[in-house]
Amino acid sequence: MSQISSSTRDIISELDTTFKSIKSDEVDQLIKEISKADQVFFVGVGRVLLSLKSIAKRLAHLGVKTYVVGQITEPAITEKDLLIIGSGSGETAFPLIIAQKAKKYNATVAHIGANPESSMSEYSDLFVRIPVQTKLQLPGEVESVQPMTSLFEQSLLLLGDAVALTIVRDRDVDMKALWQYHANLE
């Protein structure tokens, strides 16, 4: 077996183990909050932010009004909106500050992370645990051979795609009709 085949097999195996460990009721609650929100905001840093931007884009293709915190056209958040925070540790400073601020405006806050006992829990209305290996070495973490927090970022991206597909199926969306939301200035 080639090195790349071995690496690919390891990554897919880790993702499979991770997704078998994510609680469907937590994801169902997230989908419910996305569906009822007027606007959905996203915040994270680093590679987590890249995954969140992909999720925001895919949900926008489904007609959801999405914004990444800090983008130039970001509107005000209100009590009718949802803030989705991606933070494995739940201790990252910038997302914590934004969560605290969102609660001041009575927005619903959802945290997708690996650490259920984090500082973020003080501001979160719901938590979706991706139980992967962190620097904290918490019980029940899925171990990874990958560098740093790659498994979290990959799982976050795929979770976003699974959420989008679930919404498509729940709403019985015509897949061809989704192209109306795709960027056309390309």
Protein backbone atom coordinates (compact mmCIF):
# COMPACT_ATOMS: atom_id res chain seq x y z
CA MET A 1 0.00 0.00 0.00
CA SER A 2 1.35 3.44 -0.92
CA GLN A 3 1.96 6.12 1.70
CA ILE A 4 -0.90 8.28 0.39
CA SER A 5 -3.30 5.32 0.39
CA SER A 6 -2.36 4.54 3.97
CA SER A 7 -2.83 8.16 5.02
CA THR A 8 -6.17 8.40 3.24
CA ARG A 9 -7.37 5.18 4.85
CA ASP A 10 -6.37 6.46 8.31
CA ILE A 11 -8.18 9.78 7.81
CA ILE A 12 -11.37 8.13 6.54
CA SER A 13 -11.30 5.67 9.43
CA GLU A 14 -10.95 8.50 11.96
CA LEU A 15 -13.81 10.41 10.35
CA ASP A 16 -16.02 7.32 10.41
CA THR A 17 -15.30 6.75 14.11
CA THR A 18 -15.93 10.42 14.87
CA PHE A 19 -19.29 10.57 13.09
CA LYS A 20 -20.47 7.44 14.87
CA SER A 21 -19.78 9.31 18.13
CA ILE A 22 -21.66 12.55 17.35
CA LYS A 23 -25.06 12.66 19.04
CA SER A 24 -27.83 13.02 16.47
CA ASP A 25 -30.14 14.83 18.90
CA GLU A 26 -27.56 17.63 19.25
CA VAL A 27 -27.34 17.97 15.46
CA ASP A 28 -31.15 17.84 15.15
CA GLN A 29 -31.39 20.77 17.59
CA LEU A 30 -28.83 22.72 15.54
CA ILE A 31 -30.84 22.10 12.35
CA LYS A 32 -33.99 23.29 14.14
CA GLU A 33 -32.25 26.51 15.21
CA ILE A 34 -30.85 27.12 11.71
CA SER A 35 -34.31 26.62 10.22
CA LYS A 36 -36.04 29.07 12.53
CA ALA A 37 -33.37 31.80 12.54
CA ASP A 38 -33.81 34.92 10.44
CA GLN A 39 -30.03 35.10 9.94
CA VAL A 40 -27.20 32.73 10.79
CA PHE A 41 -23.80 34.11 11.77
CA PHE A 42 -20.55 32.15 12.00
CA VAL A 43 -17.38 32.77 14.00
CA GLY A 44 -14.14 30.87 14.44
CA VAL A 45 -10.44 31.29 13.80
CA GLY A 46 -7.81 29.59 11.65
CA ARG A 47 -8.71 26.39 9.82
CA VAL A 48 -11.95 26.19 11.81
CA LEU A 49 -13.00 29.49 10.24
CA LEU A 50 -12.28 28.08 6.79
CA SER A 51 -14.60 25.14 7.51
CA LEU A 52 -17.27 27.52 8.85
CA LYS A 53 -17.04 29.71 5.74
CA SER A 54 -17.72 26.62 3.63
CA ILE A 55 -20.74 25.78 5.78
CA ALA A 56 -22.04 29.35 5.54
CA LYS A 57 -21.72 29.24 1.75
CA ARG A 58 -23.52 25.90 1.47
CA LEU A 59 -26.38 27.07 3.70
CA ALA A 60 -26.62 30.25 1.61
CA HIS A 61 -27.15 27.96 -1.39
CA LEU A 62 -30.19 26.63 0.50
CA GLY A 63 -31.60 30.15 0.87
CA VAL A 64 -30.40 30.68 4.45
CA LYS A 65 -29.17 34.23 5.15
CA THR A 66 -25.62 33.61 6.37
CA TYR A 67 -22.84 35.93 7.48
CA VAL A 68 -19.32 35.41 8.72
CA VAL A 69 -18.54 37.70 11.65
CA GLY A 70 -16.27 40.48 10.44
CA GLN A 71 -17.28 40.41 6.78
CA ILE A 72 -17.83 43.89 5.42
CA THR A 73 -21.56 43.36 4.74
CA GLU A 74 -22.33 41.82 8.15
CA PRO A 75 -25.63 43.20 9.51
CA ALA A 76 -26.64 43.59 13.14
CA ILE A 77 -27.45 40.43 15.07
CA THR A 78 -30.82 40.29 16.86
CA GLU A 79 -32.85 38.02 19.10
CA LYS A 80 -34.22 36.36 15.93
CA ASP A 81 -30.77 35.19 14.83
CA LEU A 82 -28.36 32.34 15.44
CA LEU A 83 -24.61 32.55 16.02
CA ILE A 84 -22.71 29.33 15.27
CA ILE A 85 -19.31 29.15 16.91
CA GLY A 86 -16.67 26.66 15.87
CA SER A 87 -14.06 26.11 18.56
CA GLY A 88 -12.66 22.73 19.48
CA SER A 89 -11.43 23.83 22.88
CA GLY A 90 -14.20 26.35 23.51
CA GLU A 91 -11.53 28.60 24.97
CA THR A 92 -10.44 30.62 21.92
CA ALA A 93 -10.55 34.30 22.90
CA PHE A 94 -12.16 35.91 19.85
CA PRO A 95 -15.13 33.49 19.57
CA LEU A 96 -15.68 33.77 23.34
CA ILE A 97 -15.91 37.56 23.11
CA ILE A 98 -18.30 37.36 20.14
CA ALA A 99 -20.50 34.80 21.95
CA GLN A 100 -20.72 37.07 24.98
CA LYS A 101 -21.67 40.00 22.75
CA ALA A 102 -24.30 37.97 20.85
CA LYS A 103 -25.97 37.04 24.15
CA LYS A 104 -26.24 40.77 24.98
CA TYR A 105 -28.45 41.05 21.90
CA ASN A 106 -30.40 37.91 22.90
CA ALA A 107 -29.27 35.89 19.89
CA THR A 108 -29.23 32.11 20.12
CA VAL A 109 -25.68 30.77 20.38
CA ALA A 110 -24.67 27.31 19.16
CA HIS A 111 -21.20 25.97 19.91
CA ILE A 112 -19.72 23.18 17.84
CA GLY A 113 -16.67 21.91 19.66
CA ALA A 114 -14.88 19.08 21.40
CA ASN A 115 -14.93 20.34 24.99
CA PRO A 116 -18.34 20.29 26.72
CA GLU A 117 -16.90 21.86 29.89
CA SER A 118 -15.38 24.89 28.19
CA SER A 119 -15.81 28.58 29.01
CA MET A 120 -18.04 28.76 25.91
CA SER A 121 -20.72 26.76 27.73
CA GLU A 122 -21.56 29.87 29.75
CA TYR A 123 -22.78 31.61 26.57
CA SER A 124 -24.10 28.68 24.52
CA ASP A 125 -27.74 27.73 24.20
CA LEU A 126 -26.82 24.46 22.52
CA PHE A 127 -23.71 22.39 22.04
CA VAL A 128 -22.80 19.90 19.35
CA ARG A 129 -19.84 17.82 20.42
CA ILE A 130 -17.38 16.56 17.87
CA PRO A 131 -15.55 14.27 20.30
CA VAL A 132 -12.09 14.34 18.75
CA GLN A 133 -8.64 14.51 20.24
CA THR A 134 -7.72 17.89 21.68
CA LYS A 135 -4.73 19.26 23.52
CA LEU A 136 -6.85 18.83 26.66
CA GLN A 137 -6.89 15.00 26.42
CA LEU A 138 -10.52 14.68 27.57
CA PRO A 139 -12.28 11.36 28.19
CA GLY A 140 -14.00 9.82 25.18
CA GLU A 141 -11.94 11.64 22.57
CA VAL A 142 -11.37 9.98 19.20
CA GLU A 143 -7.61 9.69 18.81
CA SER A 144 -5.95 10.93 15.66
CA VAL A 145 -2.69 10.30 13.85
CA GLN A 146 -3.13 13.61 12.03
CA PRO A 147 -1.30 16.79 12.97
CA MET A 148 -2.79 19.11 15.56
CA THR A 149 -6.58 19.51 15.20
CA SER A 150 -7.02 18.39 11.59
CA LEU A 151 -9.65 15.82 12.56
CA PHE A 152 -11.81 18.51 14.21
CA GLU A 153 -11.66 20.83 11.19
CA GLN A 154 -12.43 18.00 8.76
CA SER A 155 -15.29 16.75 10.92
CA LEU A 156 -16.71 20.27 11.22
CA LEU A 157 -16.73 20.71 7.44
CA LEU A 158 -18.37 17.33 6.84
CA LEU A 159 -20.88 17.95 9.63
CA GLY A 160 -21.87 21.15 7.85
CA ASP A 161 -22.41 19.25 4.62
CA ALA A 162 -24.44 16.60 6.46
CA VAL A 163 -26.59 19.34 8.03
CA ALA A 164 -27.15 20.88 4.58
CA LEU A 165 -28.10 17.54 3.05
CA THR A 166 -30.50 16.86 5.93
CA ILE A 167 -32.15 20.24 5.38
CA VAL A 168 -32.44 19.49 1.63
CA ARG A 169 -34.09 16.15 2.39
CA ASP A 170 -36.37 17.57 5.12
CA ARG A 171 -37.60 20.32 2.81
CA ASP A 172 -37.71 18.03 -0.23
CA VAL A 173 -35.65 20.59 -2.13
CA ASP A 174 -35.27 20.26 -5.88
CA MET A 175 -31.48 20.02 -6.22
CA LYS A 176 -31.50 21.68 -9.64
CA ALA A 177 -33.35 24.66 -8.18
CA LEU A 178 -30.45 25.31 -5.80
CA TRP A 179 -28.35 26.71 -8.64
CA GLN A 180 -30.36 29.94 -8.41
CA TYR A 181 -28.42 30.69 -5.20
CA HIS A 182 -24.99 29.86 -6.62
CA ALA A 183 -22.61 32.69 -7.44
CA ASN A 184 -22.99 33.71 -11.07
CA LEU A 185 -20.31 36.37 -11.40
CA GLU A 186 -17.62 33.76 -11.94
